[in-house]
N, C-alpha and C. Protein backbone atom coordinates (compact mmCIF):
# COMPACT_ATOMS: atom_id res chain seq x y z
N MET A 1 0.28 -0.92 -0.40
CA MET A 1 0.38 0.33 -0.15
C MET A 1 0.95 1.20 -0.25
N LEU A 2 1.65 1.14 0.26
CA LEU A 2 2.94 2.49 0.84
C LEU A 2 3.44 2.57 -0.94
N SER A 3 3.89 1.50 -1.42
CA SER A 3 4.57 1.56 -2.48
C SER A 3 3.74 1.75 -3.69
N LEU A 4 2.42 2.22 -3.34
CA LEU A 4 1.36 2.43 -3.95
C LEU A 4 1.04 3.57 -4.09
N PHE A 5 1.11 4.95 -3.22
CA PHE A 5 1.15 5.44 -2.60
C PHE A 5 2.42 6.75 -3.00
N LYS A 6 3.04 6.26 -2.66
CA LYS A 6 5.01 6.47 -3.60
C LYS A 6 4.94 7.02 -5.34
N PHE A 7 3.95 5.75 -5.66
CA PHE A 7 3.68 6.19 -7.04
C PHE A 7 3.08 7.17 -7.61
N TYR A 8 1.66 7.23 -6.60
CA TYR A 8 1.15 8.05 -7.16
C TYR A 8 1.29 9.31 -7.03
N PHE A 9 2.20 10.02 -6.05
CA PHE A 9 2.66 10.84 -5.40
C PHE A 9 4.22 11.15 -5.55
N SER A 10 4.56 10.28 -6.75
CA SER A 10 6.31 10.54 -7.04
C SER A 10 6.10 11.73 -8.03
N ARG A 11 7.37 12.00 -7.49
CA ARG A 11 7.51 13.49 -8.44
C ARG A 11 7.44 13.76 -9.69
N SER A 12 7.67 12.25 -10.48
CA SER A 12 7.06 12.25 -12.55
C SER A 12 6.03 12.03 -11.73
N THR A 13 5.24 11.78 -11.87
CA THR A 13 3.62 12.16 -11.51
C THR A 13 3.17 12.98 -11.56
N ARG A 14 3.67 13.25 -10.61
CA ARG A 14 2.83 15.60 -10.23
C ARG A 14 3.86 16.17 -11.31
N VAL A 15 4.07 15.69 -12.29
CA VAL A 15 5.33 16.63 -13.26
C VAL A 15 4.46 16.38 -13.99
N ALA A 16 3.69 14.78 -14.53
CA ALA A 16 2.82 14.77 -15.37
C ALA A 16 1.70 14.96 -14.71
N THR A 17 1.00 15.37 -13.79
CA THR A 17 0.06 15.57 -13.82
C THR A 17 -0.13 16.96 -14.58
N PHE A 18 1.12 17.95 -13.53
CA PHE A 18 0.44 18.79 -13.99
C PHE A 18 0.53 19.46 -15.37
N SER A 19 1.57 19.61 -16.04
CA SER A 19 1.73 19.34 -18.04
C SER A 19 0.27 18.86 -18.23
N ALA A 20 0.09 17.94 -17.59
CA ALA A 20 -1.34 17.28 -18.73
C ALA A 20 -1.89 18.78 -18.30
N ILE A 21 -2.61 19.56 -16.92
CA ILE A 21 -3.49 20.59 -16.54
C ILE A 21 -3.24 21.40 -17.12
N LEU A 22 -1.91 21.56 -17.58
CA LEU A 22 -1.39 23.32 -18.02
C LEU A 22 -1.72 23.04 -19.39
N PHE A 23 -2.48 21.93 -20.41
CA PHE A 23 -1.68 22.02 -22.14
C PHE A 23 -2.99 21.40 -22.04
N PHE A 24 -4.17 20.99 -20.92
CA PHE A 24 -5.59 20.95 -21.02
C PHE A 24 -5.98 23.12 -21.00
N LEU A 25 -6.12 23.50 -19.84
CA LEU A 25 -6.11 25.11 -19.65
C LEU A 25 -5.42 26.12 -21.03
N SER A 26 -4.30 25.24 -21.79
CA SER A 26 -3.86 25.88 -22.66
C SER A 26 -5.09 26.27 -23.89
N ALA A 27 -5.22 24.57 -24.42
CA ALA A 27 -5.97 24.54 -25.32
C ALA A 27 -7.69 25.37 -24.86
N LEU A 28 -8.00 25.02 -23.56
CA LEU A 28 -9.02 26.14 -23.43
C LEU A 28 -9.12 26.72 -23.60
N THR A 29 -7.91 28.16 -23.23
CA THR A 29 -7.57 29.20 -23.82
C THR A 29 -7.99 30.03 -25.06
N THR A 30 -7.22 28.49 -25.85
CA THR A 30 -6.94 28.68 -27.17
C THR A 30 -8.33 28.20 -27.96
N GLY A 31 -9.07 27.77 -27.60
CA GLY A 31 -10.50 27.77 -28.59
C GLY A 31 -11.30 28.71 -27.94
N GLY A 32 -11.09 29.55 -26.08
CA GLY A 32 -11.62 30.48 -26.14
C GLY A 32 -11.39 31.51 -27.02
N VAL A 33 -10.66 32.01 -26.58
CA VAL A 33 -9.88 32.47 -28.01
C VAL A 33 -10.25 32.61 -29.46
N ILE A 34 -10.45 31.30 -30.44
CA ILE A 34 -10.26 31.50 -31.81
C ILE A 34 -11.41 31.93 -31.56
N TYR A 35 -13.27 31.47 -30.44
CA TYR A 35 -14.47 30.72 -30.40
C TYR A 35 -14.32 33.20 -30.17
N ASN A 36 -13.97 33.84 -30.21
CA ASN A 36 -13.98 34.52 -29.19
C ASN A 36 -13.49 35.58 -31.01
N ARG A 37 -13.11 35.37 -32.28
CA ARG A 37 -13.07 35.95 -32.98
C ARG A 37 -13.50 35.96 -33.90
N GLN A 38 -14.11 33.86 -34.08
CA GLN A 38 -14.90 33.91 -34.98
C GLN A 38 -16.12 34.78 -34.52
N HIS A 39 -17.18 35.02 -33.92
CA HIS A 39 -18.35 35.44 -32.90
C HIS A 39 -17.30 37.06 -33.32
N ALA A 40 -17.19 37.79 -33.20
CA ALA A 40 -16.40 39.08 -33.66
C ALA A 40 -16.06 39.04 -34.88
N LEU A 41 -16.07 37.78 -36.27
CA LEU A 41 -15.61 38.51 -37.04
C LEU A 41 -17.51 38.27 -38.10
N GLU A 42 -17.96 37.41 -37.29
CA GLU A 42 -19.79 36.99 -37.77
C GLU A 42 -20.50 38.11 -37.77
N ASN A 43 -19.98 38.85 -36.24
CA ASN A 43 -21.19 40.17 -36.49
C ASN A 43 -20.50 40.80 -37.17
N ARG A 44 -19.50 41.10 -36.92
CA ARG A 44 -19.57 42.55 -39.28
C ARG A 44 -19.45 41.82 -40.24
N LEU A 45 -19.29 40.63 -40.18
CA LEU A 45 -19.62 40.46 -41.70
C LEU A 45 -21.48 40.49 -41.54
N LEU A 46 -22.40 40.95 -40.77
CA LEU A 46 -23.49 40.82 -40.45
C LEU A 46 -23.97 42.30 -40.89
N GLU A 47 -22.83 42.62 -39.58
CA GLU A 47 -23.42 44.68 -40.18
C GLU A 47 -23.25 44.40 -41.49
N ASN A 48 -21.77 44.50 -42.37
CA ASN A 48 -21.37 45.21 -43.39
C ASN A 48 -22.78 44.26 -44.50
N LEU A 49 -23.54 43.07 -44.25
CA LEU A 49 -24.26 42.84 -44.61
C LEU A 49 -25.17 43.52 -44.78
N LEU A 50 -25.93 43.99 -43.26
CA LEU A 50 -27.20 44.39 -43.61
C LEU A 50 -26.84 46.10 -44.02
N TRP A 51 -25.86 47.06 -43.54
CA TRP A 51 -25.26 47.88 -44.62
C TRP A 51 -25.55 48.00 -46.02
N ALA A 52 -25.07 47.28 -46.60
CA ALA A 52 -24.99 47.00 -48.08
C ALA A 52 -27.21 46.96 -48.52
N GLY A 53 -27.56 46.00 -47.89
CA GLY A 53 -28.90 45.99 -48.02
C GLY A 53 -29.54 46.81 -47.58
N TYR A 54 -29.13 47.83 -46.91
CA TYR A 54 -29.90 48.41 -46.57
C TYR A 54 -29.79 50.19 -47.28
N GLN A 55 -28.82 50.23 -48.10
CA GLN A 55 -28.03 51.39 -48.97
C GLN A 55 -28.52 50.71 -50.19
N PHE A 56 -28.65 49.43 -50.28
CA PHE A 56 -29.15 49.39 -52.03
C PHE A 56 -30.89 49.36 -52.25
N ASP A 57 -31.41 49.09 -50.56
CA ASP A 57 -32.70 49.43 -50.75
C ASP A 57 -32.87 51.15 -51.08
N ARG A 58 -32.27 51.65 -49.90
CA ARG A 58 -32.27 53.31 -50.19
C ARG A 58 -32.79 53.61 -52.19
N GLU A 59 -30.81 52.60 -52.21
CA GLU A 59 -31.50 53.24 -53.62
C GLU A 59 -32.23 53.71 -54.91
N VAL A 60 -32.82 52.05 -54.32
CA VAL A 60 -34.18 50.90 -55.55
C VAL A 60 -34.96 52.63 -55.43
N ARG A 61 -35.07 53.15 -54.11
CA ARG A 61 -36.18 54.19 -53.48
C ARG A 61 -36.01 54.89 -54.24
N GLU A 62 -34.63 55.55 -53.85
CA GLU A 62 -34.10 57.14 -54.78
C GLU A 62 -34.79 57.15 -55.75
N PHE A 63 -34.28 56.03 -57.00
CA PHE A 63 -33.95 55.21 -58.75
C PHE A 63 -35.98 55.97 -58.38
N ARG A 64 -36.65 55.13 -58.09
CA ARG A 64 -38.16 55.00 -58.35
C ARG A 64 -38.24 56.63 -58.22
N LEU A 65 -38.22 57.69 -57.21
CA LEU A 65 -38.80 59.42 -57.09
C LEU A 65 -38.02 59.53 -58.41
N THR A 66 -37.00 59.08 -58.75
CA THR A 66 -36.03 60.07 -59.92
C THR A 66 -37.15 59.63 -61.20
N LEU A 67 -37.74 58.58 -61.51
CA LEU A 67 -38.27 58.05 -62.52
C LEU A 67 -40.30 58.56 -62.40
N LEU A 68 -40.10 58.77 -61.32
CA LEU A 68 -41.72 59.59 -60.94
C LEU A 68 -41.37 61.19 -61.41
N GLU A 69 -40.63 61.83 -60.96
CA GLU A 69 -40.52 62.73 -61.71
C GLU A 69 -39.51 62.87 -62.24
N ALA A 70 -39.00 61.79 -63.16
CA ALA A 70 -38.96 61.97 -65.51
C ALA A 70 -40.33 62.29 -65.54
N ARG A 71 -41.26 61.53 -65.21
CA ARG A 71 -42.71 61.89 -65.64
C ARG A 71 -43.42 63.39 -65.86
N SER A 72 -42.83 63.72 -64.89
CA SER A 72 -43.09 65.03 -64.78
C SER A 72 -42.64 66.33 -66.08
N ASP A 73 -41.27 65.46 -66.20
CA ASP A 73 -40.38 66.50 -66.88
C ASP A 73 -39.32 67.62 -66.31
N ASN A 74 -39.22 66.83 -64.63
CA ASN A 74 -38.38 67.88 -63.71
C ASN A 74 -37.60 67.77 -63.36
N VAL A 75 -36.96 66.18 -64.29
CA VAL A 75 -35.65 65.66 -63.55
C VAL A 75 -35.39 65.52 -65.19
N THR A 76 -34.05 65.29 -65.42
CA THR A 76 -33.01 65.77 -66.25
C THR A 76 -32.70 63.63 -66.72
N VAL A 77 -32.45 63.56 -67.55
CA VAL A 77 -31.71 62.53 -68.10
C VAL A 77 -30.72 62.24 -67.31
N ASP A 78 -29.59 62.97 -67.06
CA ASP A 78 -28.10 62.68 -66.28
C ASP A 78 -28.41 62.12 -64.86
N ASP A 79 -29.98 63.05 -64.30
CA ASP A 79 -30.15 62.81 -63.22
C ASP A 79 -30.14 61.39 -62.70
N VAL A 80 -31.51 60.76 -64.29
CA VAL A 80 -32.02 59.31 -64.24
C VAL A 80 -30.57 58.33 -64.39
N LEU A 81 -30.28 58.50 -65.18
CA LEU A 81 -28.12 57.79 -65.02
C LEU A 81 -27.40 58.15 -64.21
N LEU A 82 -27.81 59.02 -63.72
CA LEU A 82 -26.34 59.07 -62.06
C LEU A 82 -26.86 58.09 -61.60
N ARG A 83 -28.66 58.03 -61.76
CA ARG A 83 -29.42 57.57 -60.45
C ARG A 83 -29.12 55.46 -60.53
N TYR A 84 -29.07 55.64 -61.80
CA TYR A 84 -29.17 54.32 -62.21
C TYR A 84 -27.64 53.97 -62.26
N GLU A 85 -26.83 54.66 -62.62
CA GLU A 85 -25.47 53.78 -62.61
C GLU A 85 -24.93 53.87 -60.77
N ILE A 86 -25.30 54.84 -59.74
CA ILE A 86 -25.62 54.31 -59.00
C ILE A 86 -26.39 53.37 -58.09
N LEU A 87 -27.11 53.02 -58.56
CA LEU A 87 -28.07 51.49 -58.51
C LEU A 87 -27.26 50.10 -58.68
N PHE A 88 -26.57 49.98 -59.65
CA PHE A 88 -26.44 48.77 -60.36
C PHE A 88 -24.63 48.57 -59.04
N SER A 89 -24.07 49.91 -59.28
CA SER A 89 -23.14 49.94 -57.91
C SER A 89 -23.33 49.31 -57.07
N ARG A 90 -24.13 50.00 -56.26
CA ARG A 90 -24.97 49.91 -55.08
C ARG A 90 -25.46 47.83 -55.37
N GLN A 91 -26.47 47.48 -56.36
CA GLN A 91 -26.46 45.89 -56.02
C GLN A 91 -25.11 45.34 -56.38
N SER A 92 -24.08 45.58 -57.29
CA SER A 92 -23.48 44.35 -58.26
C SER A 92 -22.42 44.38 -55.95
N LEU A 93 -22.53 45.17 -54.79
CA LEU A 93 -22.08 45.68 -54.15
C LEU A 93 -22.38 44.39 -53.16
N PHE A 94 -24.42 44.24 -53.44
CA PHE A 94 -25.17 43.38 -51.67
C PHE A 94 -24.99 42.07 -53.20
N PHE A 95 -25.08 41.84 -54.30
CA PHE A 95 -25.01 41.39 -54.68
C PHE A 95 -23.75 39.83 -54.76
N LYS A 96 -22.43 40.11 -54.41
CA LYS A 96 -21.33 39.64 -54.45
C LYS A 96 -20.95 38.08 -54.04
N VAL A 97 -21.01 37.27 -54.35
CA VAL A 97 -20.44 35.80 -53.96
C VAL A 97 -20.85 35.74 -52.83
N LYS A 98 -19.77 36.41 -51.51
CA LYS A 98 -20.13 36.47 -50.59
C LYS A 98 -20.59 36.33 -49.37
N SER A 99 -20.96 37.90 -50.09
CA SER A 99 -22.66 38.27 -49.55
C SER A 99 -24.13 37.73 -49.94
N ALA A 100 -23.92 37.22 -51.16
CA ALA A 100 -25.12 36.59 -51.00
C ALA A 100 -25.11 35.06 -50.64
N LYS A 101 -24.13 33.98 -50.23
CA LYS A 101 -23.71 33.25 -49.30
C LYS A 101 -24.49 33.72 -48.44
N SER A 102 -23.73 34.32 -47.44
CA SER A 102 -24.12 34.63 -46.52
C SER A 102 -25.50 35.15 -46.13
N TRP A 103 -26.28 35.92 -46.78
CA TRP A 103 -27.14 36.54 -46.18
C TRP A 103 -28.30 35.01 -46.28
N ARG A 104 -28.01 34.09 -47.25
CA ARG A 104 -28.72 32.47 -47.52
C ARG A 104 -28.77 32.27 -46.22
N ASN A 105 -27.47 32.26 -45.33
CA ASN A 105 -27.26 31.13 -44.49
C ASN A 105 -27.97 32.13 -43.30
N TRP A 106 -28.21 33.27 -43.23
CA TRP A 106 -28.42 33.81 -42.16
C TRP A 106 -30.06 33.83 -41.81
N LYS A 107 -30.67 34.06 -43.44
CA LYS A 107 -32.13 33.71 -43.20
C LYS A 107 -32.41 32.44 -43.40
N VAL A 108 -31.34 31.15 -43.15
CA VAL A 108 -32.31 30.13 -43.01
C VAL A 108 -32.31 29.72 -41.70
N LEU A 109 -31.44 30.59 -40.78
CA LEU A 109 -31.14 30.68 -39.34
C LEU A 109 -31.75 31.16 -38.54
N ARG A 110 -32.31 32.71 -38.91
CA ARG A 110 -33.62 32.96 -38.70
C ARG A 110 -34.39 32.34 -38.79
N ARG A 111 -34.89 31.59 -39.63
CA ARG A 111 -36.59 30.67 -39.71
C ARG A 111 -36.69 29.86 -37.90
């Protein structure tokens, strides 16, 4: 029985136990840091996606208002063309591959 206690409380066993606990805690810390960074990145991507969607929606509204004003001859063709070019650039930003994939995934998660 005494030899069993000497084995479990020997110096090499204590060092091995301390090393295992230290490695376990470092793995937990590393996992926590990775999780926090991933969460922050996800929030930034969602924020950028929502901002692009808002800008696209706003530009659609502005383009429609410009077209309605063009019926009454208050707007020149250059104004309509400018609004169309801005709308097209907003659309190309919004429908990038990464944004479109993120949007699809986000909609699935919200259901």
